[in-house]
């Protein structure tokens, strides 16, 4: 049986970032945080709030924010590679 876990950002989920950070052993590290904006309307606002919350609770060494050129296209391989190389944790979201 396959399990599907959905996270719905309708209300604050204060433990969600903490669980990922702790699971990856990054609790006491200075995080290199990444944001991948899919270029949909309001995704930038949602992702900015997530980044601000993480910055309020954890030491963030750097923040890399990248935006896809088109909502209908996948992120370019070089964008994914940059996020993988330069970030410990990456948030991406869709919004309208």
Protein backbone atom coordinates (compact mmCIF):
# COMPACT_ATOMS: atom_id res chain seq x y z
CA UNK A 1 0.00 0.00 0.00
CA UNK A 2 1.34 3.41 -0.97
CA UNK A 3 0.98 6.32 1.41
CA UNK A 4 0.34 9.85 0.20
CA UNK A 5 0.96 12.77 2.58
CA UNK A 6 -0.54 16.13 1.67
CA UNK A 7 0.33 19.39 3.38
CA UNK A 8 -2.37 22.02 2.98
CA UNK A 9 -1.15 25.55 3.86
CA UNK A 10 -4.54 26.87 4.98
CA UNK A 11 -3.52 27.37 8.57
CA UNK A 12 -0.17 27.71 10.31
CA UNK A 13 1.68 24.44 10.71
CA UNK A 14 4.45 25.52 13.08
CA UNK A 15 6.02 22.08 13.38
CA UNK A 16 6.37 21.38 9.64
CA UNK A 17 9.64 23.29 8.99
CA UNK A 18 11.00 22.15 12.36
CA UNK A 19 10.40 18.49 11.50
CA UNK A 20 12.26 18.77 8.18
CA UNK A 21 15.15 20.73 9.72
CA UNK A 22 15.50 18.27 12.59
CA UNK A 23 15.19 15.22 10.31
CA UNK A 24 18.02 16.49 8.10
CA UNK A 25 20.29 17.18 11.08
CA UNK A 26 20.28 20.95 10.45
CA UNK A 27 18.85 22.06 13.79
CA UNK A 28 21.99 23.85 15.00
CA UNK A 29 23.47 24.72 11.63
CA UNK A 30 23.27 28.01 9.78
CA UNK A 31 20.82 27.12 7.04
CA UNK A 32 21.30 27.90 3.39
CA UNK A 33 17.66 28.42 2.49
CA UNK A 34 16.29 28.26 -1.05
CA UNK A 35 13.02 29.46 -2.55
CA UNK A 36 11.74 28.31 -5.95
CA UNK A 37 8.84 30.48 -7.09
CA UNK A 38 6.79 28.79 -9.81
CA UNK A 39 5.68 32.24 -11.10
CA UNK A 40 1.99 31.74 -10.31
CA UNK A 41 0.12 34.68 -8.85
CA UNK A 42 0.73 35.07 -5.11
CA UNK A 43 3.26 32.24 -4.84
CA UNK A 44 5.90 34.87 -4.06
CA UNK A 45 3.83 36.15 -1.11
CA UNK A 46 3.34 32.68 0.35
CA UNK A 47 7.01 31.78 -0.06
CA UNK A 48 8.13 35.09 1.46
CA UNK A 49 6.03 34.35 4.56
CA UNK A 50 7.54 30.87 4.84
CA UNK A 51 11.07 32.27 4.55
CA UNK A 52 10.36 34.95 7.16
CA UNK A 53 9.04 32.32 9.57
CA UNK A 54 12.08 30.09 9.11
CA UNK A 55 14.39 33.11 9.57
CA UNK A 56 12.57 34.02 12.80
CA UNK A 57 13.10 30.56 14.27
CA UNK A 58 16.46 29.41 12.85
CA UNK A 59 19.87 30.75 11.93
CA UNK A 60 19.79 31.39 8.19
CA UNK A 61 23.17 31.94 6.59
CA UNK A 62 21.85 32.71 3.11
CA UNK A 63 18.63 32.93 1.12
CA UNK A 64 18.60 32.06 -2.58
CA UNK A 65 15.37 33.02 -4.35
CA UNK A 66 14.82 31.81 -7.90
CA UNK A 67 11.75 32.10 -10.13
CA UNK A 68 10.68 29.86 -12.98
CA UNK A 69 10.24 31.69 -16.26
CA UNK A 70 6.88 30.07 -16.94
CA UNK A 71 4.28 28.41 -14.76
CA UNK A 72 3.69 25.82 -17.50
CA UNK A 73 7.34 24.77 -17.82
CA UNK A 74 9.55 22.76 -15.51
CA UNK A 75 12.43 24.57 -13.85
CA UNK A 76 15.54 24.52 -16.02
CA UNK A 77 18.11 21.87 -15.03
CA UNK A 78 20.64 24.58 -14.12
CA UNK A 79 18.11 26.11 -11.68
CA UNK A 80 17.59 22.75 -9.96
CA UNK A 81 21.34 22.17 -9.89
CA UNK A 82 21.99 25.59 -8.34
CA UNK A 83 19.39 24.97 -5.63
CA UNK A 84 20.82 21.50 -4.94
CA UNK A 85 24.38 22.83 -4.69
CA UNK A 86 23.73 26.05 -2.77
CA UNK A 87 20.87 25.19 -0.38
CA UNK A 88 20.25 22.89 2.57
CA UNK A 89 16.50 23.31 2.41
CA UNK A 90 14.30 24.51 -0.48
CA UNK A 91 10.67 25.61 -0.40
CA UNK A 92 8.49 25.77 -3.48
CA UNK A 93 4.78 26.42 -3.75
CA UNK A 94 1.90 27.19 -6.04
CA UNK A 95 -0.69 29.83 -5.25
CA UNK A 96 -3.46 31.83 -6.88
